[in-house]
Amino acid sequence: MTNSSSSPSADRPVQAAFVIEQTLGHVTFGQNLNTILAHHPRLIPTFVHIPYEMPGWASWIPGYSNWTIRSGVRARRALRAEARKTDIDVMFVHTQVPTFMLRRWMERIPTVVSLDATGEQYDEFGEHYEHRRSTGPVEWWKKRAAKRAYGRARHIVAWSEWARDGLVDQYGVTPERVTVIAPGVNVEQWKRSGAPPDDTVIKILFVGGDLVRKGAPMLLDVVRRLLRDDSLPPFELHMVTTGELASEPGIVVHRGMKPNSADLIALYHSSHIFCLPTLGDCLPMVLAEAGEVGLAVVSTDVGAIREIVDDERTGLLIPVGDADRLESALRRLITDPALRARLGGSAHELVRSHFDAGINANRLADVLIEIAGRQATP
């Protein structure tokens, strides 16, 4: 295991272990980091994946159904295996959940903790993730454990200003210990090439696995109403999901599309509007993907979404659960190509300036290299 009394020499790259949860958008986040940092001149990344799924045989193990415990146990096991193969100069742990059981590792190896939301922020819309707050003593322990984990971290990376504010206001983390680095989209992979999409049929795109949490039931009701309006130009809704849903007239369901896959990117490029009326989210990466392609976006004012969907500038922002506002927003975009172009163009500019995964991954590498060099500092 890495000796904390030594620091990486200036003439060799920093060995960095990236401990990444394999849930939700964190999978794509890890894929992008792996692709972008694979040939970094000063950093050698190793990715330690923490799978979410629980095998049936493990259900009898007390506490193992709890993700905090399961992720911590799996992270410790994976780090032990990695440490047998190489010295680890610095760790990057995303998210904060596994850190509750990584105290000894964090004491030995300089660690950067990354998160898209604090525990308390997650609790605010946790019901949409089938998450329930525990009893008072348990919640007290969770917050105390989180504070200790943040205290052990050499630095913290937040995906958004919203997450950083939660760290400062809810957990007492000093602002200078937090750097905001959004996950972003691999713009070289996603950039549009060729002619713009055909306007003969306007395509509205939805991408989300958890249909209920992502607001699909309301979106489907609104689209069905709009499809009955003969005054609107031809349009259709395309839904990329792993959820149980069947195609119907005007609504096309796509299954089996993987993150960053060529067929998924092609579907974005052939679309005109991106709609995500989510009930609970932190900073969905699909919004950055839509912005890079230049789609006009409709989404809800929850979590950090307003940091990428600036109402009437980079998209249209509606209140959570407001079907009338969703219908109005979609009607405007279906009938107004100039509005679509203006919002999509501004979204593209925002993504290039703040959500470029290449730039942001290299910013993250700079943080890790700096932190690795601090371990010899008194």
Protein backbone atom coordinates (compact mmCIF):
# COMPACT_ATOMS: atom_id res chain seq x y z
CA MET A 1 0.00 0.00 0.00
CA THR A 2 1.12 3.56 -0.68
CA ASN A 3 3.36 5.06 1.98
CA SER A 4 2.01 8.50 2.89
CA SER A 5 5.46 9.72 3.90
CA SER A 6 6.67 9.68 0.30
CA SER A 7 5.54 11.76 -2.63
CA PRO A 8 5.66 11.07 -6.36
CA SER A 9 8.91 12.26 -7.89
CA ALA A 10 8.77 15.10 -10.37
CA ASP A 11 10.07 12.87 -13.18
CA ARG A 12 7.30 10.27 -13.10
CA PRO A 13 3.53 10.53 -13.62
CA VAL A 14 1.13 10.45 -10.71
CA GLN A 15 -0.62 7.11 -10.15
CA ALA A 16 -4.28 7.96 -9.57
CA ALA A 17 -7.01 5.53 -8.54
CA PHE A 18 -10.47 6.62 -9.69
CA VAL A 19 -13.10 4.96 -7.51
CA ILE A 20 -16.36 5.41 -9.42
CA GLU A 21 -19.88 4.31 -8.49
CA GLN A 22 -21.51 2.39 -11.33
CA THR A 23 -24.96 3.91 -10.97
CA LEU A 24 -27.05 6.37 -12.98
CA GLY A 25 -25.05 9.06 -14.83
CA HIS A 26 -21.89 8.19 -12.91
CA VAL A 27 -21.22 5.38 -15.38
CA THR A 28 -20.98 7.82 -18.30
CA PHE A 29 -18.92 10.19 -16.16
CA GLY A 30 -16.36 7.43 -15.55
CA GLN A 31 -16.32 6.45 -19.22
CA ASN A 32 -15.56 10.02 -20.25
CA LEU A 33 -12.75 10.35 -17.69
CA ASN A 34 -11.24 7.07 -18.86
CA THR A 35 -11.33 8.12 -22.51
CA ILE A 36 -9.95 11.62 -21.95
CA LEU A 37 -7.26 10.86 -19.35
CA ALA A 38 -5.95 7.63 -20.89
CA HIS A 39 -2.97 9.42 -22.44
CA HIS A 40 -2.45 12.24 -19.93
CA PRO A 41 1.28 13.08 -19.81
CA ARG A 42 1.49 13.53 -16.02
CA LEU A 43 -1.17 11.18 -14.68
CA ILE A 44 -1.72 7.42 -14.95
CA PRO A 45 -5.37 6.70 -14.18
CA THR A 46 -6.65 3.37 -12.90
CA PHE A 47 -10.41 2.93 -12.67
CA VAL A 48 -11.90 1.04 -9.75
CA HIS A 49 -15.56 0.38 -10.51
CA ILE A 50 -18.05 -0.05 -7.68
CA PRO A 51 -21.05 -1.99 -9.03
CA TYR A 52 -24.48 -1.19 -7.61
CA GLU A 53 -26.29 -4.47 -8.16
CA MET A 54 -26.73 -6.85 -5.23
CA PRO A 55 -26.67 -10.58 -6.01
CA GLY A 56 -29.50 -12.60 -4.58
CA TRP A 57 -27.21 -14.74 -2.45
CA ALA A 58 -26.05 -11.63 -0.56
CA SER A 59 -29.53 -10.69 0.69
CA TRP A 60 -28.96 -12.64 3.90
CA ILE A 61 -25.92 -10.55 4.89
CA PRO A 62 -27.02 -8.02 7.55
CA GLY A 63 -26.89 -4.45 6.23
CA TYR A 64 -25.63 -5.41 2.76
CA SER A 65 -28.81 -4.17 1.11
CA ASN A 66 -27.79 -0.66 2.21
CA TRP A 67 -25.90 1.06 -0.62
CA THR A 68 -23.58 2.96 1.73
CA ILE A 69 -22.39 -0.26 3.32
CA ARG A 70 -22.32 -2.24 0.07
CA SER A 71 -20.39 0.43 -1.83
CA GLY A 72 -17.91 0.89 1.02
CA VAL A 73 -17.20 -2.83 1.32
CA ARG A 74 -16.78 -3.20 -2.44
CA ALA A 75 -14.54 -0.12 -2.63
CA ARG A 76 -12.23 -1.41 0.11
CA ARG A 77 -11.97 -4.81 -1.55
CA ALA A 78 -11.23 -3.31 -4.96
CA LEU A 79 -8.65 -0.89 -3.57
CA ARG A 80 -6.82 -3.72 -1.80
CA ALA A 81 -6.58 -5.56 -5.10
CA GLU A 82 -5.35 -2.45 -6.92
CA ALA A 83 -2.77 -1.62 -4.24
CA ARG A 84 -1.20 -5.06 -4.69
CA LYS A 85 -0.43 -4.14 -8.31
CA THR A 86 0.76 -0.54 -8.01
CA ASP A 87 1.51 2.25 -5.60
CA ILE A 88 -1.35 4.72 -5.49
CA ASP A 89 -0.28 8.35 -5.16
CA VAL A 90 -3.75 9.88 -5.00
CA MET A 91 -7.38 8.73 -4.93
CA PHE A 92 -10.44 10.22 -6.55
CA VAL A 93 -13.67 8.87 -5.04
CA HIS A 94 -17.01 9.55 -6.73
CA THR A 95 -19.36 9.85 -4.96
CA GLN A 96 -19.00 10.49 -1.24
CA VAL A 97 -21.05 7.38 -0.38
CA PRO A 98 -18.16 4.82 -0.32
CA THR A 99 -15.97 7.17 1.74
CA PHE A 100 -17.89 6.37 4.93
CA MET A 101 -16.00 3.04 5.02
CA LEU A 102 -12.68 4.21 3.55
CA ARG A 103 -11.27 6.02 6.58
CA ARG A 104 -7.96 4.14 6.74
CA TRP A 105 -7.41 4.44 3.00
CA MET A 106 -8.07 8.17 3.10
CA GLU A 107 -5.63 8.54 6.01
CA ARG A 108 -2.88 6.81 3.96
CA ILE A 109 -3.56 8.19 0.49
CA PRO A 110 -4.39 11.82 -0.35
CA THR A 111 -8.00 11.75 -1.50
CA VAL A 112 -10.26 13.99 -3.54
CA VAL A 113 -13.97 13.36 -2.93
CA SER A 114 -16.37 14.16 -5.77
CA LEU A 115 -20.14 14.53 -5.57
CA ASP A 116 -23.19 15.64 -7.51
CA ALA A 117 -25.28 16.33 -4.38
CA THR A 118 -24.92 16.25 -0.62
CA GLY A 119 -26.89 13.77 1.44
CA GLU A 120 -29.33 16.45 2.56
CA GLN A 121 -29.85 17.70 -0.98
CA TYR A 122 -30.51 14.13 -2.10
CA ASP A 123 -33.06 13.76 0.70
CA GLU A 124 -35.00 16.75 -0.68
CA PHE A 125 -36.17 14.71 -3.66
CA GLY A 126 -35.16 11.26 -2.45
CA GLU A 127 -38.72 9.96 -2.66
CA HIS A 128 -38.37 10.01 -6.45
CA TYR A 129 -35.35 7.68 -6.10
CA GLU A 130 -37.38 5.42 -3.79
CA HIS A 131 -35.27 6.77 -0.95
CA ARG A 132 -36.70 7.54 2.48
CA ARG A 133 -35.15 9.47 5.32
CA SER A 134 -34.34 7.36 8.36
CA THR A 135 -35.10 8.05 12.00
CA GLY A 136 -33.60 11.06 13.76
CA PRO A 137 -30.62 9.24 15.35
CA VAL A 138 -29.74 7.55 12.06
CA GLU A 139 -29.88 10.84 10.15
CA TRP A 140 -27.70 12.45 12.86
CA TRP A 141 -25.13 9.66 12.46
CA LYS A 142 -25.19 9.95 8.65
CA LYS A 143 -24.52 13.68 8.77
CA ARG A 144 -21.76 13.24 11.35
CA ALA A 145 -20.14 10.52 9.23
CA ALA A 146 -20.39 12.72 6.13
CA LYS A 147 -18.74 15.65 7.91
CA ARG A 148 -15.88 13.39 9.00
CA ALA A 149 -15.45 12.04 5.46
CA TYR A 150 -15.35 15.56 4.02
CA GLY A 151 -12.85 16.50 6.72
CA ARG A 152 -10.55 13.61 5.78
CA ALA A 153 -10.58 14.58 2.11
CA ARG A 154 -7.68 16.73 0.94
CA HIS A 155 -10.06 18.46 -1.45
CA ILE A 156 -13.64 18.19 -2.68
CA VAL A 157 -14.94 18.49 -6.23
CA ALA A 158 -18.60 19.45 -6.68
CA TRP A 159 -20.41 19.00 -9.98
CA SER A 160 -22.29 22.29 -9.57
CA GLU A 161 -22.55 25.54 -7.64
CA TRP A 162 -25.71 24.07 -6.10
CA ALA A 163 -23.77 21.10 -4.70
CA ARG A 164 -20.97 23.37 -3.47
CA ASP A 165 -23.48 25.58 -1.66
CA GLY A 166 -24.91 22.47 0.00
CA LEU A 167 -21.45 21.48 1.26
CA VAL A 168 -20.84 24.94 2.70
CA ASP A 169 -24.29 25.63 4.12
CA GLN A 170 -25.28 22.15 5.32
CA TYR A 171 -21.95 20.56 6.28
CA GLY A 172 -19.74 23.49 7.22
CA VAL A 173 -17.11 22.85 4.54
CA THR A 174 -15.03 25.97 3.91
CA PRO A 175 -15.49 27.30 0.35
CA GLU A 176 -11.77 27.19 -0.47
CA ARG A 177 -11.78 23.40 -0.01
CA VAL A 178 -14.29 22.96 -2.84
CA THR A 179 -13.71 23.27 -6.59
CA VAL A 180 -16.68 23.19 -8.96
CA ILE A 181 -15.93 21.00 -11.99
CA ALA A 182 -18.95 19.85 -13.98
CA PRO A 183 -18.84 16.39 -15.61
CA GLY A 184 -19.68 17.64 -19.10
CA VAL A 185 -19.84 15.95 -22.48
CA ASN A 186 -17.04 14.70 -24.71
CA VAL A 187 -17.50 17.40 -27.37
CA GLU A 188 -15.19 15.75 -29.91
CA GLN A 189 -17.36 12.66 -29.82
CA TRP A 190 -20.69 14.50 -29.80
CA LYS A 191 -20.08 17.48 -32.09
CA ARG A 192 -22.51 17.87 -34.95
CA SER A 193 -21.28 17.28 -38.49
CA GLY A 194 -23.14 17.51 -41.75
CA ALA A 195 -26.50 19.12 -42.47
CA PRO A 196 -29.00 20.07 -39.74
CA PRO A 197 -31.95 17.69 -39.19
CA ASP A 198 -34.84 17.61 -41.61
CA ASP A 199 -37.72 19.83 -40.41
CA THR A 200 -40.42 17.83 -42.21
CA VAL A 201 -41.21 16.06 -38.91
CA ILE A 202 -40.12 17.74 -35.67
CA LYS A 203 -38.48 15.24 -33.32
CA ILE A 204 -38.74 15.65 -29.55
CA LEU A 205 -36.16 13.52 -27.72
CA PHE A 206 -36.40 12.11 -24.18
CA VAL A 207 -33.58 10.06 -22.61
CA GLY A 208 -34.07 8.44 -19.22
CA GLY A 209 -34.17 5.00 -17.65
CA ASP A 210 -36.41 5.68 -14.65
CA LEU A 211 -39.54 6.76 -16.48
CA VAL A 212 -41.50 7.90 -13.42
CA ARG A 213 -38.68 9.92 -11.84
CA LYS A 214 -37.74 11.49 -15.16
CA GLY A 215 -41.32 12.74 -15.67
CA ALA A 216 -42.24 10.48 -18.58
CA PRO A 217 -45.90 9.90 -17.55
CA MET A 218 -46.62 13.64 -17.66
CA LEU A 219 -44.67 14.05 -20.90
CA LEU A 220 -46.62 11.24 -22.55
CA ASP A 221 -49.96 12.74 -21.50
CA VAL A 222 -48.96 16.16 -22.86
CA VAL A 223 -47.64 14.77 -26.14
CA ARG A 224 -50.79 12.72 -26.69
CA ARG A 225 -52.85 15.89 -26.28
CA LEU A 226 -50.63 17.80 -28.68
CA LEU A 227 -50.79 15.01 -31.26
CA ARG A 228 -54.57 15.52 -31.40
CA ASP A 229 -54.10 19.18 -32.34
CA ASP A 230 -54.28 19.34 -36.14
CA SER A 231 -53.05 22.94 -36.16
CA LEU A 232 -49.52 21.84 -35.18
CA PRO A 233 -46.92 20.82 -37.74
CA PRO A 234 -46.04 17.10 -37.86
CA PHE A 235 -43.99 15.99 -34.86
CA GLU A 236 -43.15 12.85 -32.90
CA LEU A 237 -41.67 11.94 -29.55
CA HIS A 238 -38.63 9.64 -29.42
CA MET A 239 -37.99 8.01 -26.04
CA VAL A 240 -34.69 6.32 -25.17
CA THR A 241 -35.22 4.21 -22.07
CA THR A 242 -34.72 0.90 -20.35
CA GLY A 243 -38.16 1.20 -18.77
CA GLU A 244 -41.27 -0.72 -19.74
CA LEU A 245 -42.88 1.26 -22.53
CA ALA A 246 -44.30 0.43 -25.95
CA SER A 247 -44.31 2.51 -29.12
CA GLU A 248 -47.59 4.00 -30.36
CA PRO A 249 -48.58 6.42 -33.14
CA GLY A 250 -46.42 9.53 -32.81
CA ILE A 251 -44.33 8.01 -29.99
CA VAL A 252 -41.25 5.91 -30.83
CA VAL A 253 -39.48 3.91 -28.12
CA HIS A 254 -35.77 3.08 -28.51
CA ARG A 255 -34.19 0.32 -26.44
CA GLY A 256 -30.67 -0.98 -26.04
CA MET A 257 -28.88 2.32 -26.70
CA LYS A 258 -25.72 2.65 -24.61
CA PRO A 259 -24.16 5.89 -23.28
CA ASN A 260 -21.94 7.61 -25.88
CA SER A 261 -22.89 5.02 -28.52
CA ALA A 262 -22.98 5.96 -32.20
CA ASP A 263 -26.68 5.20 -32.56
CA LEU A 264 -27.56 7.34 -29.55
CA ILE A 265 -25.48 10.26 -30.84
CA ALA A 266 -27.09 9.92 -34.28
CA LEU A 267 -30.55 10.11 -32.69
CA TYR A 268 -29.61 13.33 -30.89
CA HIS A 269 -28.32 14.76 -34.18
CA SER A 270 -31.59 13.98 -35.96
CA SER A 271 -33.71 15.64 -33.24
CA HIS A 272 -34.90 19.22 -32.76
CA ILE A 273 -36.05 19.44 -29.13
CA PHE A 274 -34.84 17.74 -25.96
CA CYS A 275 -37.35 17.32 -23.14
CA LEU A 276 -36.61 16.11 -19.61
CA PRO A 277 -39.46 17.05 -17.21
CA THR A 278 -37.72 15.28 -14.33
CA LEU A 279 -39.15 15.22 -10.81
CA GLY A 280 -35.81 14.70 -9.09
CA ASP A 281 -32.27 15.14 -10.43
CA CYS A 282 -28.95 16.76 -9.61
CA LEU A 283 -27.25 17.69 -12.90
CA PRO A 284 -28.34 15.27 -15.66
CA MET A 285 -25.54 14.76 -18.16
CA VAL A 286 -28.07 14.32 -20.97
CA LEU A 287 -28.70 18.07 -20.84
CA ALA A 288 -25.06 18.78 -21.68
CA GLU A 289 -25.26 16.27 -24.53
CA ALA A 290 -28.37 18.02 -25.88
CA GLY A 291 -26.67 21.40 -25.58
CA GLU A 292 -23.56 20.25 -27.43
CA VAL A 293 -25.73 19.07 -30.33
CA GLY A 294 -27.60 22.40 -30.29
CA LEU A 295 -31.04 21.16 -29.28
CA ALA A 296 -33.60 23.44 -27.70
CA VAL A 297 -34.13 22.06 -24.18
CA VAL A 298 -37.16 21.89 -21.90
CA SER A 299 -36.56 20.77 -18.33
CA THR A 300 -37.62 21.38 -14.74
CA ASP A 301 -36.26 23.69 -12.07
CA VAL A 302 -34.81 21.10 -9.71
CA GLY A 303 -31.32 20.45 -8.34
CA ALA A 304 -28.63 22.18 -10.41
CA ILE A 305 -30.52 22.08 -13.71
CA ARG A 306 -30.86 25.86 -13.86
CA GLU A 307 -27.05 26.03 -14.16
CA ILE A 308 -27.34 24.55 -17.65
CA VAL A 309 -30.95 25.41 -18.59
CA ASP A 310 -31.12 29.18 -18.21
CA ASP A 311 -34.79 30.00 -18.84
CA GLU A 312 -35.38 31.73 -22.19
CA ARG A 313 -31.63 31.81 -22.91
CA THR A 314 -30.37 28.23 -23.21
CA GLY A 315 -33.74 26.51 -22.85
CA LEU A 316 -37.16 26.65 -21.23
CA LEU A 317 -37.41 25.91 -17.53
CA ILE A 318 -40.72 24.84 -16.01
CA PRO A 319 -41.88 24.07 -12.46
CA VAL A 320 -41.80 20.42 -11.42
CA GLY A 321 -45.02 18.59 -12.29
CA ASP A 322 -46.59 21.49 -14.22
CA ALA A 323 -48.26 19.83 -17.22
CA ASP A 324 -49.75 23.07 -18.53
CA ARG A 325 -46.35 24.80 -18.61
CA LEU A 326 -44.83 21.75 -20.28
CA GLU A 327 -47.51 21.79 -22.96
CA SER A 328 -47.01 25.50 -23.54
CA ALA A 329 -43.22 25.11 -23.81
CA LEU A 330 -43.44 22.24 -26.29
CA ARG A 331 -46.07 24.03 -28.34
CA ARG A 332 -43.81 27.10 -28.63
CA LEU A 333 -40.81 25.04 -29.73
CA ILE A 334 -42.73 22.87 -32.18
CA THR A 335 -44.12 25.93 -33.97
CA ASP A 336 -41.18 28.34 -33.75
CA PRO A 337 -37.98 27.26 -35.57
CA ALA A 338 -36.30 30.60 -34.82
CA LEU A 339 -36.79 30.05 -31.07
CA ARG A 340 -35.40 26.54 -31.36
CA ALA A 341 -32.34 27.85 -33.18
CA ARG A 342 -31.74 30.67 -30.68
CA LEU A 343 -32.04 28.47 -27.59
CA GLY A 344 -30.02 25.63 -29.14
CA GLY A 345 -27.25 27.99 -30.22
CA SER A 346 -26.96 29.51 -26.75
CA ALA A 347 -26.97 26.06 -25.14
CA HIS A 348 -24.15 24.98 -27.44
CA GLU A 349 -22.08 28.02 -26.43
CA LEU A 350 -22.68 27.30 -22.74
CA VAL A 351 -21.64 23.67 -23.07
CA ARG A 352 -18.45 24.62 -24.90
CA SER A 353 -17.53 27.15 -22.18
CA HIS A 354 -18.56 25.25 -19.01
CA PHE A 355 -19.43 21.61 -19.80
CA ASP A 356 -16.64 20.43 -22.11
CA ALA A 357 -15.62 17.10 -20.57
CA GLY A 358 -12.15 17.30 -22.13
CA ILE A 359 -11.34 20.64 -20.53
CA ASN A 360 -12.97 19.70 -17.23
CA ALA A 361 -11.29 16.28 -16.99
CA ASN A 362 -7.91 17.96 -17.41
CA ARG A 363 -8.83 20.51 -14.74
CA LEU A 364 -9.59 17.56 -12.48
CA ALA A 365 -6.24 15.97 -13.34
CA ASP A 366 -4.51 19.22 -12.32
CA VAL A 367 -6.27 19.06 -8.93
CA LEU A 368 -5.18 15.45 -8.39
CA ILE A 369 -1.58 16.14 -9.38
CA GLU A 370 -1.47 19.08 -6.98
CA ILE A 371 -3.01 17.04 -4.16
CA ALA A 372 -0.59 14.18 -4.75
CA GLY A 373 2.29 16.60 -4.34
CA ARG A 374 0.95 17.82 -0.99
CA GLN A 375 1.47 14.53 0.81
CA ALA A 376 5.06 15.43 1.68
CA THR A 377 4.06 18.83 2.99
CA PRO A 378 4.21 19.16 6.81
